[in-house]
Amino acid sequence: MSVERVTENGDGLHWFKSSYSGSDGGDCVEVAAGLHGVYVRDSKAAGGGPVLRVGRGEWAAFTALAAGGPEV
């Protein structure tokens, strides 16, 4: 698995937060799909904190395992 920390989050990304996140916005991560991978950031630092870029295959494997299913 490769994860890259990026300082520029790429303008034009549409960030999503889990519906399980608290109403104050500080209890979750946000995710955005981009051309070069999936971007992940801490919702508490939205817009000003570090952003990780993960490959699409790695993200698919992570979400499958997190959901309790077989690895992709």
PDB file of N, CA and C in Angstrom:
ATOM      1  N   MET A   1       0.847  -1.178   0.000  1.00  0.00           N
ATOM      2  CA  MET A   1       0.000   0.000   0.000  1.00  0.00           C
ATOM      3  C   MET A   1       0.880   1.224   0.000  1.00  0.00           C
ATOM      4  N   SER A   2       0.513   2.199  -0.786  1.00  0.00           N
ATOM      5  CA  SER A   2       1.261   3.454  -0.794  1.00  0.00           C
ATOM      6  C   SER A   2       0.329   4.598  -0.445  1.00  0.00           C
ATOM      7  N   VAL A   3       0.801   5.453   0.429  1.00  0.00           N
ATOM      8  CA  VAL A   3       0.048   6.639   0.834  1.00  0.00           C
ATOM      9  C   VAL A   3       0.975   7.818   0.672  1.00  0.00           C
ATOM     10  N   GLU A   4       0.494   8.865   0.070  1.00  0.00           N
ATOM     11  CA  GLU A   4       1.306  10.055  -0.156  1.00  0.00           C
ATOM     12  C   GLU A   4       0.658  11.247   0.530  1.00  0.00           C
ATOM     13  N   ARG A   5       1.433  11.956   1.321  1.00  0.00           N
ATOM     14  CA  ARG A   5       0.924  13.185   1.929  1.00  0.00           C
ATOM     15  C   ARG A   5       1.102  14.304   0.915  1.00  0.00           C
ATOM     16  N   VAL A   6       0.037  15.034   0.671  1.00  0.00           N
ATOM     17  CA  VAL A   6       0.108  16.132  -0.288  1.00  0.00           C
ATOM     18  C   VAL A   6      -0.202  17.440   0.414  1.00  0.00           C
ATOM     19  N   THR A   7       0.466  18.499  -0.011  1.00  0.00           N
ATOM     20  CA  THR A   7       0.216  19.798   0.598  1.00  0.00           C
ATOM     21  C   THR A   7      -0.859  20.564  -0.161  1.00  0.00           C
ATOM     22  N   GLU A   8      -0.992  20.302  -1.427  1.00  0.00           N
ATOM     23  CA  GLU A   8      -2.051  20.919  -2.225  1.00  0.00           C
ATOM     24  C   GLU A   8      -3.142  19.875  -2.396  1.00  0.00           C
ATOM     25  N   ASN A   9      -4.358  20.186  -1.989  1.00  0.00           N
ATOM     26  CA  ASN A   9      -5.419  19.191  -2.080  1.00  0.00           C
ATOM     27  C   ASN A   9      -6.129  19.199  -3.424  1.00  0.00           C
ATOM     28  N   GLY A  10      -5.697  19.991  -4.341  1.00  0.00           N
ATOM     29  CA  GLY A  10      -6.305  19.997  -5.664  1.00  0.00           C
ATOM     30  C   GLY A  10      -7.627  20.738  -5.666  1.00  0.00           C
ATOM     31  N   ASP A  11      -7.648  21.927  -6.180  1.00  0.00           N
ATOM     32  CA  ASP A  11      -8.888  22.701  -6.242  1.00  0.00           C
ATOM     33  C   ASP A  11      -9.945  21.918  -7.002  1.00  0.00           C
ATOM     34  N   GLY A  12     -11.177  22.113  -6.623  1.00  0.00           N
ATOM     35  CA  GLY A  12     -12.280  21.475  -7.315  1.00  0.00           C
ATOM     36  C   GLY A  12     -12.683  20.133  -6.745  1.00  0.00           C
ATOM     37  N   LEU A  13     -12.063  19.664  -5.671  1.00  0.00           N
ATOM     38  CA  LEU A  13     -12.468  18.405  -5.068  1.00  0.00           C
ATOM     39  C   LEU A  13     -13.757  18.601  -4.283  1.00  0.00           C
ATOM     40  N   HIS A  14     -14.620  17.614  -4.329  1.00  0.00           N
ATOM     41  CA  HIS A  14     -15.870  17.650  -3.569  1.00  0.00           C
ATOM     42  C   HIS A  14     -15.694  16.703  -2.383  1.00  0.00           C
ATOM     43  N   TRP A  15     -15.633  17.262  -1.187  1.00  0.00           N
ATOM     44  CA  TRP A  15     -15.362  16.502   0.032  1.00  0.00           C
ATOM     45  C   TRP A  15     -16.651  15.939   0.616  1.00  0.00           C
ATOM     46  N   PHE A  16     -16.573  14.691   1.094  1.00  0.00           N
ATOM     47  CA  PHE A  16     -17.700  14.006   1.715  1.00  0.00           C
ATOM     48  C   PHE A  16     -17.336  13.598   3.132  1.00  0.00           C
ATOM     49  N   LYS A  17     -18.298  13.686   4.021  1.00  0.00           N
ATOM     50  CA  LYS A  17     -18.104  13.267   5.404  1.00  0.00           C
ATOM     51  C   LYS A  17     -19.152  12.217   5.735  1.00  0.00           C
ATOM     52  N   SER A  18     -18.794  11.240   6.558  1.00  0.00           N
ATOM     53  CA  SER A  18     -19.708  10.181   6.938  1.00  0.00           C
ATOM     54  C   SER A  18     -20.951  10.729   7.629  1.00  0.00           C
ATOM     55  N   SER A  19     -22.071  10.089   7.368  1.00  0.00           N
ATOM     56  CA  SER A  19     -23.308  10.461   8.063  1.00  0.00           C
ATOM     57  C   SER A  19     -23.247  10.088   9.533  1.00  0.00           C
ATOM     58  N   TYR A  20     -22.268   9.269   9.927  1.00  0.00           N
ATOM     59  CA  TYR A  20     -22.080   8.899  11.326  1.00  0.00           C
ATOM     60  C   TYR A  20     -21.279   9.944  12.089  1.00  0.00           C
ATOM     61  N   SER A  21     -20.772  10.934  11.405  1.00  0.00           N
ATOM     62  CA  SER A  21     -19.970  11.970  12.036  1.00  0.00           C
ATOM     63  C   SER A  21     -20.841  12.836  12.941  1.00  0.00           C
ATOM     64  N   GLY A  22     -20.242  13.372  13.978  1.00  0.00           N
ATOM     65  CA  GLY A  22     -20.970  14.251  14.895  1.00  0.00           C
ATOM     66  C   GLY A  22     -21.422  15.528  14.212  1.00  0.00           C
ATOM     67  N   SER A  23     -22.415  16.176  14.770  1.00  0.00           N
ATOM     68  CA  SER A  23     -22.969  17.382  14.160  1.00  0.00           C
ATOM     69  C   SER A  23     -22.029  18.577  14.241  1.00  0.00           C
ATOM     70  N   ASP A  24     -21.030  18.529  15.154  1.00  0.00           N
ATOM     71  CA  ASP A  24     -20.096  19.650  15.266  1.00  0.00           C
ATOM     72  C   ASP A  24     -18.977  19.576  14.238  1.00  0.00           C
ATOM     73  N   GLY A  25     -18.914  18.496  13.458  1.00  0.00           N
ATOM     74  CA  GLY A  25     -17.951  18.390  12.376  1.00  0.00           C
ATOM     75  C   GLY A  25     -16.551  17.991  12.786  1.00  0.00           C
ATOM     76  N   GLY A  26     -16.328  17.602  14.031  1.00  0.00           N
ATOM     77  CA  GLY A  26     -14.983  17.288  14.465  1.00  0.00           C
ATOM     78  C   GLY A  26     -14.733  15.840  14.795  1.00  0.00           C
ATOM     79  N   ASP A  27     -15.590  14.938  14.355  1.00  0.00           N
ATOM     80  CA  ASP A  27     -15.476  13.545  14.759  1.00  0.00           C
ATOM     81  C   ASP A  27     -15.199  12.577  13.613  1.00  0.00           C
ATOM     82  N   CYS A  28     -14.697  13.024  12.522  1.00  0.00           N
ATOM     83  CA  CYS A  28     -14.608  12.136  11.371  1.00  0.00           C
ATOM     84  C   CYS A  28     -13.512  12.589  10.406  1.00  0.00           C
ATOM     85  N   VAL A  29     -13.358  11.811   9.361  1.00  0.00           N
ATOM     86  CA  VAL A  29     -12.501  12.214   8.259  1.00  0.00           C
ATOM     87  C   VAL A  29     -13.393  12.574   7.088  1.00  0.00           C
ATOM     88  N   GLU A  30     -12.832  13.340   6.173  1.00  0.00           N
ATOM     89  CA  GLU A  30     -13.530  13.675   4.940  1.00  0.00           C
ATOM     90  C   GLU A  30     -12.769  13.041   3.788  1.00  0.00           C
ATOM     91  N   VAL A  31     -13.491  12.676   2.748  1.00  0.00           N
ATOM     92  CA  VAL A  31     -12.924  11.963   1.614  1.00  0.00           C
ATOM     93  C   VAL A  31     -13.372  12.633   0.319  1.00  0.00           C
ATOM     94  N   ALA A  32     -12.454  12.713  -0.635  1.00  0.00           N
ATOM     95  CA  ALA A  32     -12.780  13.240  -1.964  1.00  0.00           C
ATOM     96  C   ALA A  32     -12.100  12.375  -3.013  1.00  0.00           C
ATOM     97  N   ALA A  33     -12.824  12.059  -4.075  1.00  0.00           N
ATOM     98  CA  ALA A  33     -12.254  11.306  -5.187  1.00  0.00           C
ATOM     99  C   ALA A  33     -11.689  12.292  -6.197  1.00  0.00           C
ATOM    100  N   GLY A  34     -10.455  12.062  -6.614  1.00  0.00           N
ATOM    101  CA  GLY A  34      -9.809  12.912  -7.600  1.00  0.00           C
ATOM    102  C   GLY A  34      -9.288  12.095  -8.766  1.00  0.00           C
ATOM    103  N   LEU A  35      -8.726  12.743  -9.723  1.00  0.00           N
ATOM    104  CA  LEU A  35      -8.189  12.053 -10.903  1.00  0.00           C
ATOM    105  C   LEU A  35      -7.021  11.135 -10.563  1.00  0.00           C
ATOM    106  N   HIS A  36      -6.240  11.503  -9.554  1.00  0.00           N
ATOM    107  CA  HIS A  36      -5.023  10.765  -9.238  1.00  0.00           C
ATOM    108  C   HIS A  36      -5.146   9.910  -7.989  1.00  0.00           C
ATOM    109  N   GLY A  37      -6.346   9.744  -7.457  1.00  0.00           N
ATOM    110  CA  GLY A  37      -6.543   8.905  -6.288  1.00  0.00           C
ATOM    111  C   GLY A  37      -7.652   9.435  -5.402  1.00  0.00           C
ATOM    112  N   VAL A  38      -7.671   8.933  -4.183  1.00  0.00           N
ATOM    113  CA  VAL A  38      -8.664   9.335  -3.190  1.00  0.00           C
ATOM    114  C   VAL A  38      -7.950  10.172  -2.135  1.00  0.00           C
ATOM    115  N   TYR A  39      -8.516  11.301  -1.798  1.00  0.00           N
ATOM    116  CA  TYR A  39      -7.920  12.226  -0.843  1.00  0.00           C
ATOM    117  C   TYR A  39      -8.651  12.108   0.490  1.00  0.00           C
ATOM    118  N   VAL A  40      -7.899  12.129   1.584  1.00  0.00           N
ATOM    119  CA  VAL A  40      -8.463  11.972   2.919  1.00  0.00           C
ATOM    120  C   VAL A  40      -7.899  13.071   3.812  1.00  0.00           C
ATOM    121  N   ARG A  41      -8.766  13.693   4.630  1.00  0.00           N
ATOM    122  CA  ARG A  41      -8.318  14.716   5.571  1.00  0.00           C
ATOM    123  C   ARG A  41      -9.150  14.643   6.845  1.00  0.00           C
ATOM    124  N   ASP A  42      -8.641  15.204   7.911  1.00  0.00           N
ATOM    125  CA  ASP A  42      -9.331  15.292   9.187  1.00  0.00           C
ATOM    126  C   ASP A  42     -10.392  16.377   9.076  1.00  0.00           C
ATOM    127  N   SER A  43     -11.615  16.074   9.451  1.00  0.00           N
ATOM    128  CA  SER A  43     -12.689  17.063   9.312  1.00  0.00           C
ATOM    129  C   SER A  43     -12.489  18.275  10.215  1.00  0.00           C
ATOM    130  N   LYS A  44     -11.736  18.120  11.307  1.00  0.00           N
ATOM    131  CA  LYS A  44     -11.474  19.265  12.188  1.00  0.00           C
ATOM    132  C   LYS A  44     -10.573  20.294  11.518  1.00  0.00           C
ATOM    133  N   ALA A  45      -9.739  19.848  10.586  1.00  0.00           N
ATOM    134  CA  ALA A  45      -8.783  20.739   9.934  1.00  0.00           C
ATOM    135  C   ALA A  45      -9.147  20.988   8.478  1.00  0.00           C
ATOM    136  N   ALA A  46     -10.406  20.825   8.138  1.00  0.00           N
ATOM    137  CA  ALA A  46     -10.850  20.956   6.753  1.00  0.00           C
ATOM    138  C   ALA A  46     -10.393  22.279   6.145  1.00  0.00           C
ATOM    139  N   GLY A  47      -9.729  22.166   5.023  1.00  0.00           N
ATOM    140  CA  GLY A  47      -9.273  23.343   4.313  1.00  0.00           C
ATOM    141  C   GLY A  47      -7.911  23.860   4.745  1.00  0.00           C
ATOM    142  N   GLY A  48      -7.405  23.423   5.904  1.00  0.00           N
ATOM    143  CA  GLY A  48      -6.130  23.953   6.354  1.00  0.00           C
ATOM    144  C   GLY A  48      -5.149  22.920   6.868  1.00  0.00           C
ATOM    145  N   GLY A  49      -5.579  21.682   6.962  1.00  0.00           N
ATOM    146  CA  GLY A  49      -4.712  20.641   7.493  1.00  0.00           C
ATOM    147  C   GLY A  49      -4.100  19.793   6.400  1.00  0.00           C
ATOM    148  N   PRO A  50      -3.322  18.799   6.809  1.00  0.00           N
ATOM    149  CA  PRO A  50      -2.701  17.910   5.829  1.00  0.00           C
ATOM    150  C   PRO A  50      -3.732  17.039   5.122  1.00  0.00           C
ATOM    151  N   VAL A  51      -3.385  16.637   3.922  1.00  0.00           N
ATOM    152  CA  VAL A  51      -4.247  15.786   3.104  1.00  0.00           C
ATOM    153  C   VAL A  51      -3.420  14.590   2.653  1.00  0.00           C
ATOM    154  N   LEU A  52      -4.002  13.395   2.732  1.00  0.00           N
ATOM    155  CA  LEU A  52      -3.345  12.190   2.230  1.00  0.00           C
ATOM    156  C   LEU A  52      -3.975  11.804   0.904  1.00  0.00           C
ATOM    157  N   ARG A  53      -3.133  11.354  -0.032  1.00  0.00           N
ATOM    158  CA  ARG A  53      -3.648  10.827  -1.295  1.00  0.00           C
ATOM    159  C   ARG A  53      -3.348   9.336  -1.327  1.00  0.00           C
ATOM    160  N   VAL A  54      -4.384   8.538  -1.552  1.00  0.00           N
ATOM    161  CA  VAL A  54      -4.276   7.085  -1.570  1.00  0.00           C
ATOM    162  C   VAL A  54      -4.723   6.604  -2.943  1.00  0.00           C
ATOM    163  N   GLY A  55      -4.067   5.585  -3.457  1.00  0.00           N
ATOM    164  CA  GLY A  55      -4.466   5.020  -4.744  1.00  0.00           C
ATOM    165  C   GLY A  55      -5.872   4.451  -4.690  1.00  0.00           C
ATOM    166  N   ARG A  56      -6.553   4.431  -5.827  1.00  0.00           N
ATOM    167  CA  ARG A  56      -7.938   3.943  -5.870  1.00  0.00           C
ATOM    168  C   ARG A  56      -8.041   2.474  -5.461  1.00  0.00           C
ATOM    169  N   GLY A  57      -7.101   1.664  -5.883  1.00  0.00           N
ATOM    170  CA  GLY A  57      -7.111   0.242  -5.505  1.00  0.00           C
ATOM    171  C   GLY A  57      -6.906   0.050  -4.014  1.00  0.00           C
ATOM    172  N   GLU A  58      -6.000   0.820  -3.447  1.00  0.00           N
ATOM    173  CA  GLU A  58      -5.759   0.742  -2.014  1.00  0.00           C
ATOM    174  C   GLU A  58      -6.982   1.191  -1.226  1.00  0.00           C
ATOM    175  N   TRP A  59      -7.657   2.240  -1.704  1.00  0.00           N
ATOM    176  CA  TRP A  59      -8.858   2.721  -1.031  1.00  0.00           C
ATOM    177  C   TRP A  59      -9.967   1.669  -1.100  1.00  0.00           C
ATOM    178  N   ALA A  60     -10.126   1.031  -2.258  1.00  0.00           N
ATOM    179  CA  ALA A  60     -11.143  -0.008  -2.400  1.00  0.00           C
ATOM    180  C   ALA A  60     -10.868  -1.168  -1.443  1.00  0.00           C
ATOM    181  N   ALA A  61      -9.607  -1.563  -1.313  1.00  0.00           N
ATOM    182  CA  ALA A  61      -9.248  -2.642  -0.389  1.00  0.00           C
ATOM    183  C   ALA A  61      -9.516  -2.231   1.054  1.00  0.00           C
ATOM    184  N   PHE A  62      -9.170  -1.006   1.409  1.00  0.00           N
ATOM    185  CA  PHE A  62      -9.405  -0.513   2.767  1.00  0.00           C
ATOM    186  C   PHE A  62     -10.891  -0.504   3.105  1.00  0.00           C
ATOM    187  N   THR A  63     -11.717   0.043   2.225  1.00  0.00           N
ATOM    188  CA  THR A  63     -13.144   0.134   2.530  1.00  0.00           C
ATOM    189  C   THR A  63     -13.792  -1.246   2.568  1.00  0.00           C
ATOM    190  N   ALA A  64     -13.318  -2.175   1.733  1.00  0.00           N
ATOM    191  CA  ALA A  64     -13.855  -3.548   1.777  1.00  0.00           C
ATOM    192  C   ALA A  64     -13.532  -4.196   3.116  1.00  0.00           C
ATOM    193  N   LEU A  65     -12.313  -4.043   3.574  1.00  0.00           N
ATOM    194  CA  LEU A  65     -11.930  -4.615   4.871  1.00  0.00           C
ATOM    195  C   LEU A  65     -12.656  -3.936   6.020  1.00  0.00           C
ATOM    196  N   ALA A  66     -12.815  -2.623   5.949  1.00  0.00           N
ATOM    197  CA  ALA A  66     -13.517  -1.884   7.008  1.00  0.00           C
ATOM    198  C   ALA A  66     -14.979  -2.292   7.082  1.00  0.00           C
ATOM    199  N   ALA A  67     -15.561  -2.671   5.957  1.00  0.00           N
ATOM    200  CA  ALA A  67     -16.958  -3.089   5.916  1.00  0.00           C
ATOM    201  C   ALA A  67     -17.125  -4.552   6.303  1.00  0.00           C
ATOM    202  N   GLY A  68     -16.010  -5.240   6.525  1.00  0.00           N
ATOM    203  CA  GLY A  68     -16.084  -6.639   6.941  1.00  0.00           C
ATOM    204  C   GLY A  68     -16.136  -7.631   5.801  1.00  0.00           C
ATOM    205  N   GLY A  69     -15.888  -7.154   4.601  1.00  0.00           N
ATOM    206  CA  GLY A  69     -15.926  -8.041   3.445  1.00  0.00           C
ATOM    207  C   GLY A  69     -14.534  -8.514   3.070  1.00  0.00           C
ATOM    208  N   PRO A  70     -14.438  -9.295   2.008  1.00  0.00           N
ATOM    209  CA  PRO A  70     -13.129  -9.776   1.548  1.00  0.00           C
ATOM    210  C   PRO A  70     -12.344  -8.646   0.894  1.00  0.00           C
ATOM    211  N   GLU A  71     -11.027  -8.749   0.978  1.00  0.00           N
ATOM    212  CA  GLU A  71     -10.170  -7.741   0.366  1.00  0.00           C
ATOM    213  C   GLU A  71     -10.322  -7.791  -1.140  1.00  0.00           C
ATOM    214  N   VAL A  72     -10.344  -6.620  -1.775  1.00  0.00           N
ATOM    215  CA  VAL A  72     -10.486  -6.505  -3.232  1.00  0.00           C
ATOM    216  C   VAL A  72      -9.167  -6.831  -3.891  1.00  0.00           C
TER     217      VAL A  72
END
